[in-house]
């Protein structure tokens, strides 16, 4: 089971609030289950003020990490497609 630090959890919840997306959509983007995200939301319910008034530089860093993870995933998908294409053309 993968462990996430409080900063990552807060970034995920803030993303829901700011993007207008559903928790399920954000969970898919972050490769989490919706139930995990709902759990984090309920556990941090009392600290919403802290969550949404935290230092912006923390969230800028988290957003950069998110962007890099998304780019990494996209590159892995492209690599898989290219490998499959190379295999196909080698057979023909």
Protein backbone atom coordinates (compact mmCIF):
# COMPACT_ATOMS: atom_id res chain seq x y z
CA UNK A 1 0.00 0.00 0.00
CA UNK A 2 1.43 3.33 -1.04
CA UNK A 3 1.76 6.06 1.60
CA UNK A 4 1.14 9.71 0.75
CA UNK A 5 2.34 12.67 2.79
CA UNK A 6 -0.01 15.37 4.05
CA UNK A 7 1.16 17.85 1.42
CA UNK A 8 0.18 15.53 -1.43
CA UNK A 9 -3.22 14.89 0.14
CA UNK A 10 -3.81 18.60 0.58
CA UNK A 11 -2.78 19.26 -3.03
CA UNK A 12 -5.26 16.64 -4.26
CA UNK A 13 -8.12 18.13 -2.26
CA UNK A 14 -7.24 21.67 -3.29
CA UNK A 15 -7.24 20.53 -6.93
CA UNK A 16 -10.85 19.39 -6.52
CA UNK A 17 -11.91 22.72 -5.05
CA UNK A 18 -10.10 24.88 -7.60
CA UNK A 19 -10.65 22.90 -10.79
CA UNK A 20 -14.37 22.34 -10.41
CA UNK A 21 -13.82 18.69 -11.31
CA UNK A 22 -15.42 15.86 -9.40
CA UNK A 23 -13.34 13.93 -6.87
CA UNK A 24 -13.59 10.89 -9.16
CA UNK A 25 -12.06 12.85 -12.07
CA UNK A 26 -9.23 14.17 -9.93
CA UNK A 27 -8.65 10.68 -8.52
CA UNK A 28 -8.25 9.31 -12.06
CA UNK A 29 -5.82 12.09 -12.94
CA UNK A 30 -3.72 11.31 -9.87
CA UNK A 31 -4.01 7.53 -10.30
CA UNK A 32 -5.91 7.11 -7.04
CA UNK A 33 -9.18 5.43 -6.21
CA UNK A 34 -12.08 7.79 -5.59
CA UNK A 35 -12.61 6.21 -2.17
CA UNK A 36 -9.06 7.17 -1.17
CA UNK A 37 -9.70 10.77 -2.13
CA UNK A 38 -13.07 10.84 -0.35
CA UNK A 39 -11.38 9.43 2.75
CA UNK A 40 -8.75 12.17 2.68
CA UNK A 41 -11.47 14.78 2.27
CA UNK A 42 -13.41 13.56 5.28
CA UNK A 43 -10.30 13.23 7.46
CA UNK A 44 -9.19 16.77 6.59
CA UNK A 45 -12.65 18.25 6.90
CA UNK A 46 -11.78 20.09 10.07
CA UNK A 47 -8.63 21.60 8.64
CA UNK A 48 -10.17 23.21 5.54
CA UNK A 49 -9.09 26.69 6.60
CA UNK A 50 -5.53 25.50 6.91
CA UNK A 51 -5.80 23.67 3.60
CA UNK A 52 -7.01 26.60 1.55
CA UNK A 53 -4.93 29.31 3.20
CA UNK A 54 -1.57 27.56 3.09
CA UNK A 55 1.47 29.02 1.42
CA UNK A 56 1.11 29.09 -2.36
CA UNK A 57 4.70 28.05 -2.98
CA UNK A 58 3.92 24.59 -1.59
CA UNK A 59 1.10 24.17 -4.07
CA UNK A 60 3.15 25.50 -6.98
CA UNK A 61 5.69 22.79 -6.23
CA UNK A 62 2.93 20.18 -6.00
CA UNK A 63 1.48 21.34 -9.30
CA UNK A 64 4.89 21.00 -10.92
CA UNK A 65 5.19 17.45 -9.59
CA UNK A 66 1.71 16.68 -10.90
CA UNK A 67 2.62 18.06 -14.33
CA UNK A 68 5.83 16.04 -14.45
CA UNK A 69 4.01 12.86 -13.44
CA UNK A 70 1.41 13.43 -16.15
CA UNK A 71 4.13 14.07 -18.73
CA UNK A 72 5.95 10.92 -17.61
CA UNK A 73 2.77 8.87 -18.01
CA UNK A 74 2.17 10.33 -21.48
CA UNK A 75 5.73 9.49 -22.52
CA UNK A 76 5.37 5.92 -21.24
CA UNK A 77 2.20 5.51 -23.30
CA UNK A 78 3.90 6.87 -26.40
CA UNK A 79 6.85 4.54 -25.83
CA UNK A 80 4.52 1.55 -25.60
CA UNK A 81 2.82 2.53 -28.87
CA UNK A 82 6.17 2.91 -30.61
CA UNK A 83 7.35 -0.50 -29.35
CA UNK A 84 4.16 -2.11 -30.64
CA UNK A 85 4.56 -0.41 -34.01
CA UNK A 86 8.19 -1.52 -34.28
CA UNK A 87 7.18 -5.10 -33.49
CA UNK A 88 4.45 -4.98 -36.12
CA UNK A 89 6.76 -3.68 -38.84
CA UNK A 90 9.50 -6.17 -37.96
CA UNK A 91 7.05 -9.02 -38.58
CA UNK A 92 6.05 -7.70 -42.02
